[in-house]
Amino acid sequence: MIVQRCVGARVGLMGNPSDGFGGKTIAALLNDFYASLTLWESPKLEIIPHPHFDPFCFDSIDRLARIAEDDCYYGGVRPL
């Protein structure tokens, strides 16, 4: 089974996003931009860290310290 979905980009022009339920917002759709998702069945689940944004190998201790200070050591892996 393959599931594919696309959704157009939306830009909020006025209002706070939290105002979307009961508040006032003005937004517009951008037809030229969208996000797409494709899911398919697989016998295994593999989470592959992003090579740039979720590194596990560092050129130096200074590079590790800089990344840990900016993004936390675990990057996006720990919340996952």
PDB file of N, CA and C in Angstrom:
ATOM      1  N   MET A   1       0.845  -1.175   0.000  1.00  0.00           N
ATOM      2  CA  MET A   1       0.000   0.000   0.000  1.00  0.00           C
ATOM      3  C   MET A   1       0.893   1.242   0.000  1.00  0.00           C
ATOM      4  N   ILE A   2       0.615   2.170  -0.882  1.00  0.00           N
ATOM      5  CA  ILE A   2       1.352   3.434  -0.951  1.00  0.00           C
ATOM      6  C   ILE A   2       0.370   4.575  -0.723  1.00  0.00           C
ATOM      7  N   VAL A   3       0.728   5.477   0.166  1.00  0.00           N
ATOM      8  CA  VAL A   3      -0.085   6.656   0.463  1.00  0.00           C
ATOM      9  C   VAL A   3       0.714   7.878   0.048  1.00  0.00           C
ATOM     10  N   GLN A   4       0.125   8.708  -0.803  1.00  0.00           N
ATOM     11  CA  GLN A   4       0.777   9.941  -1.227  1.00  0.00           C
ATOM     12  C   GLN A   4      -0.168  11.113  -0.984  1.00  0.00           C
ATOM     13  N   ARG A   5       0.366  12.173  -0.414  1.00  0.00           N
ATOM     14  CA  ARG A   5      -0.427  13.366  -0.143  1.00  0.00           C
ATOM     15  C   ARG A   5       0.416  14.607  -0.419  1.00  0.00           C
ATOM     16  N   CYS A   6      -0.233  15.665  -0.858  1.00  0.00           N
ATOM     17  CA  CYS A   6       0.402  16.970  -1.055  1.00  0.00           C
ATOM     18  C   CYS A   6      -0.483  18.026  -0.414  1.00  0.00           C
ATOM     19  N   VAL A   7       0.139  19.043   0.115  1.00  0.00           N
ATOM     20  CA  VAL A   7      -0.617  20.153   0.685  1.00  0.00           C
ATOM     21  C   VAL A   7       0.089  21.443   0.290  1.00  0.00           C
ATOM     22  N   GLY A   8      -0.688  22.412  -0.129  1.00  0.00           N
ATOM     23  CA  GLY A   8      -0.131  23.690  -0.555  1.00  0.00           C
ATOM     24  C   GLY A   8       0.395  24.502   0.613  1.00  0.00           C
ATOM     25  N   ALA A   9       1.379  25.315   0.311  1.00  0.00           N
ATOM     26  CA  ALA A   9       1.950  26.183   1.349  1.00  0.00           C
ATOM     27  C   ALA A   9       0.966  27.297   1.681  1.00  0.00           C
ATOM     28  N   ARG A  10       1.005  27.729   2.919  1.00  0.00           N
ATOM     29  CA  ARG A  10       0.131  28.794   3.382  1.00  0.00           C
ATOM     30  C   ARG A  10       0.990  29.803   4.123  1.00  0.00           C
ATOM     31  N   VAL A  11       0.694  31.052   3.919  1.00  0.00           N
ATOM     32  CA  VAL A  11       1.419  32.107   4.616  1.00  0.00           C
ATOM     33  C   VAL A  11       0.415  32.918   5.423  1.00  0.00           C
ATOM     34  N   GLY A  12       0.750  33.152   6.695  1.00  0.00           N
ATOM     35  CA  GLY A  12      -0.089  33.983   7.545  1.00  0.00           C
ATOM     36  C   GLY A  12       0.281  35.445   7.362  1.00  0.00           C
ATOM     37  N   LEU A  13      -0.647  36.250   6.917  1.00  0.00           N
ATOM     38  CA  LEU A  13      -0.375  37.664   6.679  1.00  0.00           C
ATOM     39  C   LEU A  13      -0.629  38.513   7.913  1.00  0.00           C
ATOM     40  N   MET A  14      -1.674  38.179   8.653  1.00  0.00           N
ATOM     41  CA  MET A  14      -2.006  38.924   9.871  1.00  0.00           C
ATOM     42  C   MET A  14      -2.577  37.959  10.897  1.00  0.00           C
ATOM     43  N   GLY A  15      -2.367  38.271  12.146  1.00  0.00           N
ATOM     44  CA  GLY A  15      -2.917  37.458  13.222  1.00  0.00           C
ATOM     45  C   GLY A  15      -1.889  36.478  13.743  1.00  0.00           C
ATOM     46  N   ASN A  16      -2.127  36.006  14.918  1.00  0.00           N
ATOM     47  CA  ASN A  16      -1.252  35.053  15.572  1.00  0.00           C
ATOM     48  C   ASN A  16      -1.745  33.657  15.220  1.00  0.00           C
ATOM     49  N   PRO A  17      -0.844  32.703  14.908  1.00  0.00           N
ATOM     50  CA  PRO A  17      -1.321  31.352  14.580  1.00  0.00           C
ATOM     51  C   PRO A  17      -2.207  30.751  15.654  1.00  0.00           C
ATOM     52  N   SER A  18      -1.986  31.095  16.899  1.00  0.00           N
ATOM     53  CA  SER A  18      -2.839  30.548  17.953  1.00  0.00           C
ATOM     54  C   SER A  18      -4.241  31.146  17.911  1.00  0.00           C
ATOM     55  N   ASP A  19      -4.422  32.209  17.138  1.00  0.00           N
ATOM     56  CA  ASP A  19      -5.746  32.810  16.984  1.00  0.00           C
ATOM     57  C   ASP A  19      -6.609  32.053  15.980  1.00  0.00           C
ATOM     58  N   GLY A  20      -6.066  31.026  15.333  1.00  0.00           N
ATOM     59  CA  GLY A  20      -6.793  30.305  14.293  1.00  0.00           C
ATOM     60  C   GLY A  20      -8.089  29.689  14.778  1.00  0.00           C
ATOM     61  N   PHE A  21      -8.195  29.363  16.058  1.00  0.00           N
ATOM     62  CA  PHE A  21      -9.419  28.796  16.589  1.00  0.00           C
ATOM     63  C   PHE A  21     -10.159  29.868  17.368  1.00  0.00           C
ATOM     64  N   GLY A  22     -11.058  30.529  16.690  1.00  0.00           N
ATOM     65  CA  GLY A  22     -11.870  31.539  17.345  1.00  0.00           C
ATOM     66  C   GLY A  22     -11.310  32.947  17.230  1.00  0.00           C
ATOM     67  N   GLY A  23     -10.099  33.090  16.757  1.00  0.00           N
ATOM     68  CA  GLY A  23      -9.490  34.412  16.603  1.00  0.00           C
ATOM     69  C   GLY A  23      -9.613  34.889  15.170  1.00  0.00           C
ATOM     70  N   LYS A  24      -8.935  35.952  14.863  1.00  0.00           N
ATOM     71  CA  LYS A  24      -8.978  36.528  13.520  1.00  0.00           C
ATOM     72  C   LYS A  24      -7.605  36.372  12.866  1.00  0.00           C
ATOM     73  N   THR A  25      -7.574  35.791  11.666  1.00  0.00           N
ATOM     74  CA  THR A  25      -6.344  35.654  10.897  1.00  0.00           C
ATOM     75  C   THR A  25      -6.645  35.916   9.432  1.00  0.00           C
ATOM     76  N   ILE A  26      -5.627  36.348   8.716  1.00  0.00           N
ATOM     77  CA  ILE A  26      -5.699  36.476   7.257  1.00  0.00           C
ATOM     78  C   ILE A  26      -4.519  35.682   6.709  1.00  0.00           C
ATOM     79  N   ALA A  27      -4.820  34.714   5.844  1.00  0.00           N
ATOM     80  CA  ALA A  27      -3.781  33.860   5.279  1.00  0.00           C
ATOM     81  C   ALA A  27      -4.016  33.702   3.793  1.00  0.00           C
ATOM     82  N   ALA A  28      -2.977  33.274   3.082  1.00  0.00           N
ATOM     83  CA  ALA A  28      -3.079  33.047   1.643  1.00  0.00           C
ATOM     84  C   ALA A  28      -2.378  31.739   1.301  1.00  0.00           C
ATOM     85  N   LEU A  29      -2.898  31.061   0.272  1.00  0.00           N
ATOM     86  CA  LEU A  29      -2.259  29.846  -0.230  1.00  0.00           C
ATOM     87  C   LEU A  29      -1.284  30.213  -1.340  1.00  0.00           C
ATOM     88  N   LEU A  30      -0.167  29.504  -1.395  1.00  0.00           N
ATOM     89  CA  LEU A  30       0.833  29.706  -2.440  1.00  0.00           C
ATOM     90  C   LEU A  30       0.834  28.470  -3.328  1.00  0.00           C
ATOM     91  N   ASN A  31       0.293  28.593  -4.523  1.00  0.00           N
ATOM     92  CA  ASN A  31       0.134  27.440  -5.405  1.00  0.00           C
ATOM     93  C   ASN A  31       1.453  26.855  -5.890  1.00  0.00           C
ATOM     94  N   ASP A  32       2.505  27.655  -5.969  1.00  0.00           N
ATOM     95  CA  ASP A  32       3.777  27.174  -6.507  1.00  0.00           C
ATOM     96  C   ASP A  32       4.619  26.419  -5.487  1.00  0.00           C
ATOM     97  N   PHE A  33       4.214  26.407  -4.234  1.00  0.00           N
ATOM     98  CA  PHE A  33       4.986  25.748  -3.184  1.00  0.00           C
ATOM     99  C   PHE A  33       4.093  24.765  -2.434  1.00  0.00           C
ATOM    100  N   TYR A  34       4.662  23.614  -2.086  1.00  0.00           N
ATOM    101  CA  TYR A  34       3.876  22.610  -1.382  1.00  0.00           C
ATOM    102  C   TYR A  34       4.812  21.641  -0.659  1.00  0.00           C
ATOM    103  N   ALA A  35       4.245  20.900   0.244  1.00  0.00           N
ATOM    104  CA  ALA A  35       4.946  19.806   0.915  1.00  0.00           C
ATOM    105  C   ALA A  35       4.304  18.513   0.444  1.00  0.00           C
ATOM    106  N   SER A  36       5.128  17.494   0.237  1.00  0.00           N
ATOM    107  CA  SER A  36       4.581  16.211  -0.194  1.00  0.00           C
ATOM    108  C   SER A  36       5.089  15.107   0.724  1.00  0.00           C
ATOM    109  N   LEU A  37       4.310  14.050   0.813  1.00  0.00           N
ATOM    110  CA  LEU A  37       4.626  12.925   1.672  1.00  0.00           C
ATOM    111  C   LEU A  37       4.280  11.645   0.937  1.00  0.00           C
ATOM    112  N   THR A  38       5.182  10.677   0.985  1.00  0.00           N
ATOM    113  CA  THR A  38       4.923   9.355   0.433  1.00  0.00           C
ATOM    114  C   THR A  38       5.252   8.323   1.504  1.00  0.00           C
ATOM    115  N   LEU A  39       4.288   7.487   1.821  1.00  0.00           N
ATOM    116  CA  LEU A  39       4.471   6.407   2.798  1.00  0.00           C
ATOM    117  C   LEU A  39       4.189   5.085   2.110  1.00  0.00           C
ATOM    118  N   TRP A  40       4.976   4.075   2.472  1.00  0.00           N
ATOM    119  CA  TRP A  40       4.722   2.750   1.959  1.00  0.00           C
ATOM    120  C   TRP A  40       5.045   1.718   3.028  1.00  0.00           C
ATOM    121  N   GLU A  41       4.440   0.569   2.905  1.00  0.00           N
ATOM    122  CA  GLU A  41       4.661  -0.497   3.874  1.00  0.00           C
ATOM    123  C   GLU A  41       6.081  -1.031   3.740  1.00  0.00           C
ATOM    124  N   SER A  42       6.664  -1.365   4.863  1.00  0.00           N
ATOM    125  CA  SER A  42       8.015  -1.890   4.878  1.00  0.00           C
ATOM    126  C   SER A  42       8.129  -2.890   6.022  1.00  0.00           C
ATOM    127  N   PRO A  43       8.966  -3.898   5.874  1.00  0.00           N
ATOM    128  CA  PRO A  43       9.119  -4.856   6.968  1.00  0.00           C
ATOM    129  C   PRO A  43       9.937  -4.311   8.135  1.00  0.00           C
ATOM    130  N   LYS A  44      10.576  -3.168   7.966  1.00  0.00           N
ATOM    131  CA  LYS A  44      11.368  -2.592   9.052  1.00  0.00           C
ATOM    132  C   LYS A  44      11.194  -1.083   9.089  1.00  0.00           C
ATOM    133  N   LEU A  45      11.542  -0.510  10.218  1.00  0.00           N
ATOM    134  CA  LEU A  45      11.520   0.937  10.398  1.00  0.00           C
ATOM    135  C   LEU A  45      12.953   1.380  10.645  1.00  0.00           C
ATOM    136  N   GLU A  46      13.422   2.320   9.853  1.00  0.00           N
ATOM    137  CA  GLU A  46      14.783   2.825  10.003  1.00  0.00           C
ATOM    138  C   GLU A  46      14.739   4.339  10.087  1.00  0.00           C
ATOM    139  N   ILE A  47      15.319   4.883  11.144  1.00  0.00           N
ATOM    140  CA  ILE A  47      15.415   6.332  11.313  1.00  0.00           C
ATOM    141  C   ILE A  47      16.855   6.717  11.007  1.00  0.00           C
ATOM    142  N   ILE A  48      17.037   7.502   9.974  1.00  0.00           N
ATOM    143  CA  ILE A  48      18.372   7.893   9.533  1.00  0.00           C
ATOM    144  C   ILE A  48      18.580   9.356   9.896  1.00  0.00           C
ATOM    145  N   PRO A  49      19.548   9.655  10.757  1.00  0.00           N
ATOM    146  CA  PRO A  49      19.793  11.046  11.127  1.00  0.00           C
ATOM    147  C   PRO A  49      20.267  11.858   9.925  1.00  0.00           C
ATOM    148  N   HIS A  50      19.906  13.124   9.909  1.00  0.00           N
ATOM    149  CA  HIS A  50      20.360  14.019   8.849  1.00  0.00           C
ATOM    150  C   HIS A  50      21.866  14.215   9.004  1.00  0.00           C
ATOM    151  N   PRO A  51      22.657  14.078   7.932  1.00  0.00           N
ATOM    152  CA  PRO A  51      24.109  14.154   8.063  1.00  0.00           C
ATOM    153  C   PRO A  51      24.626  15.512   8.528  1.00  0.00           C
ATOM    154  N   HIS A  52      23.898  16.565   8.226  1.00  0.00           N
ATOM    155  CA  HIS A  52      24.359  17.904   8.625  1.00  0.00           C
ATOM    156  C   HIS A  52      23.724  18.360   9.939  1.00  0.00           C
ATOM    157  N   PHE A  53      22.420  18.144  10.085  1.00  0.00           N
ATOM    158  CA  PHE A  53      21.702  18.682  11.236  1.00  0.00           C
ATOM    159  C   PHE A  53      21.687  17.754  12.448  1.00  0.00           C
ATOM    160  N   ASP A  54      21.992  16.474  12.269  1.00  0.00           N
ATOM    161  CA  ASP A  54      22.021  15.511  13.372  1.00  0.00           C
ATOM    162  C   ASP A  54      23.315  14.691  13.328  1.00  0.00           C
ATOM    163  N   PRO A  55      24.459  15.350  13.436  1.00  0.00           N
ATOM    164  CA  PRO A  55      25.718  14.612  13.296  1.00  0.00           C
ATOM    165  C   PRO A  55      26.042  13.765  14.518  1.00  0.00           C
ATOM    166  N   PHE A  56      26.731  12.662  14.272  1.00  0.00           N
ATOM    167  CA  PHE A  56      27.268  11.820  15.338  1.00  0.00           C
ATOM    168  C   PHE A  56      28.778  11.677  15.209  1.00  0.00           C
ATOM    169  N   CYS A  57      29.346  12.348  14.234  1.00  0.00           N
ATOM    170  CA  CYS A  57      30.784  12.332  14.010  1.00  0.00           C
ATOM    171  C   CYS A  57      31.231  13.791  13.906  1.00  0.00           C
ATOM    172  N   PHE A  58      32.281  14.152  14.631  1.00  0.00           N
ATOM    173  CA  PHE A  58      32.712  15.549  14.703  1.00  0.00           C
ATOM    174  C   PHE A  58      34.187  15.666  14.359  1.00  0.00           C
ATOM    175  N   ASP A  59      34.557  16.737  13.677  1.00  0.00           N
ATOM    176  CA  ASP A  59      35.949  16.974  13.293  1.00  0.00           C
ATOM    177  C   ASP A  59      36.831  17.274  14.491  1.00  0.00           C
ATOM    178  N   SER A  60      36.240  17.845  15.527  1.00  0.00           N
ATOM    179  CA  SER A  60      37.031  18.213  16.700  1.00  0.00           C
ATOM    180  C   SER A  60      36.097  18.384  17.898  1.00  0.00           C
ATOM    181  N   ILE A  61      36.691  18.465  19.069  1.00  0.00           N
ATOM    182  CA  ILE A  61      35.904  18.706  20.282  1.00  0.00           C
ATOM    183  C   ILE A  61      35.283  20.099  20.242  1.00  0.00           C
ATOM    184  N   ASP A  62      35.965  21.042  19.579  1.00  0.00           N
ATOM    185  CA  ASP A  62      35.411  22.396  19.441  1.00  0.00           C
ATOM    186  C   ASP A  62      34.147  22.389  18.593  1.00  0.00           C
ATOM    187  N   ARG A  63      34.146  21.584  17.533  1.00  0.00           N
ATOM    188  CA  ARG A  63      32.956  21.481  16.680  1.00  0.00           C
ATOM    189  C   ARG A  63      31.795  20.861  17.456  1.00  0.00           C
ATOM    190  N   LEU A  64      32.073  19.828  18.231  1.00  0.00           N
ATOM    191  CA  LEU A  64      31.051  19.229  19.079  1.00  0.00           C
ATOM    192  C   LEU A  64      30.498  20.246  20.070  1.00  0.00           C
ATOM    193  N   ALA A  65      31.384  21.022  20.695  1.00  0.00           N
ATOM    194  CA  ALA A  65      30.941  22.025  21.666  1.00  0.00           C
ATOM    195  C   ALA A  65      30.074  23.085  21.004  1.00  0.00           C
ATOM    196  N   ARG A  66      30.447  23.498  19.799  1.00  0.00           N
ATOM    197  CA  ARG A  66      29.674  24.522  19.085  1.00  0.00           C
ATOM    198  C   ARG A  66      28.280  24.000  18.741  1.00  0.00           C
ATOM    199  N   ILE A  67      28.196  22.786  18.252  1.00  0.00           N
ATOM    200  CA  ILE A  67      26.896  22.202  17.905  1.00  0.00           C
ATOM    201  C   ILE A  67      26.049  21.988  19.160  1.00  0.00           C
ATOM    202  N   ALA A  68      26.663  21.501  20.229  1.00  0.00           N
ATOM    203  CA  ALA A  68      25.930  21.282  21.481  1.00  0.00           C
ATOM    204  C   ALA A  68      25.391  22.592  22.038  1.00  0.00           C
ATOM    205  N   GLU A  69      26.160  23.663  21.890  1.00  0.00           N
ATOM    206  CA  GLU A  69      25.712  24.972  22.380  1.00  0.00           C
ATOM    207  C   GLU A  69      24.572  25.520  21.542  1.00  0.00           C
ATOM    208  N   ASP A  70      24.646  25.338  20.231  1.00  0.00           N
ATOM    209  CA  ASP A  70      23.625  25.891  19.333  1.00  0.00           C
ATOM    210  C   ASP A  70      22.362  25.044  19.274  1.00  0.00           C
ATOM    211  N   ASP A  71      22.517  23.731  19.153  1.00  0.00           N
ATOM    212  CA  ASP A  71      21.381  22.866  18.850  1.00  0.00           C
ATOM    213  C   ASP A  71      21.120  21.773  19.861  1.00  0.00           C
ATOM    214  N   CYS A  72      21.907  21.708  20.927  1.00  0.00           N
ATOM    215  CA  CYS A  72      21.854  20.582  21.868  1.00  0.00           C
ATOM    216  C   CYS A  72      22.600  19.423  21.231  1.00  0.00           C
ATOM    217  N   TYR A  73      23.250  18.639  22.011  1.00  0.00           N
ATOM    218  CA  TYR A  73      24.085  17.548  21.477  1.00  0.00           C
ATOM    219  C   TYR A  73      23.288  16.593  20.600  1.00  0.00           C
ATOM    220  N   TYR A  74      22.080  16.257  20.995  1.00  0.00           N
ATOM    221  CA  TYR A  74      21.316  15.241  20.294  1.00  0.00           C
ATOM    222  C   TYR A  74      20.616  15.744  19.034  1.00  0.00           C
ATOM    223  N   GLY A  75      20.592  17.060  18.795  1.00  0.00           N
ATOM    224  CA  GLY A  75      19.892  17.568  17.618  1.00  0.00           C
ATOM    225  C   GLY A  75      18.436  17.137  17.639  1.00  0.00           C
ATOM    226  N   GLY A  76      17.955  16.613  16.503  1.00  0.00           N
ATOM    227  CA  GLY A  76      16.564  16.193  16.421  1.00  0.00           C
ATOM    228  C   GLY A  76      16.333  14.747  16.793  1.00  0.00           C
ATOM    229  N   VAL A  77      17.391  13.999  17.138  1.00  0.00           N
ATOM    230  CA  VAL A  77      17.261  12.578  17.414  1.00  0.00           C
ATOM    231  C   VAL A  77      16.572  12.326  18.749  1.00  0.00           C
ATOM    232  N   ARG A  78      16.943  13.051  19.770  1.00  0.00           N
ATOM    233  CA  ARG A  78      16.380  12.791  21.097  1.00  0.00           C
ATOM    234  C   ARG A  78      14.863  13.004  21.144  1.00  0.00           C
ATOM    235  N   PRO A  79      14.322  14.106  20.592  1.00  0.00           N
ATOM    236  CA  PRO A  79      12.860  14.259  20.619  1.00  0.00           C
ATOM    237  C   PRO A  79      12.142  13.125  19.882  1.00  0.00           C
ATOM    238  N   LEU A  80      12.789  12.578  18.874  1.00  0.00           N
ATOM    239  CA  LEU A  80      12.191  11.482  18.126  1.00  0.00           C
ATOM    240  C   LEU A  80      12.043  10.274  19.003  1.00  0.00           C
TER     241      LEU A  80
END
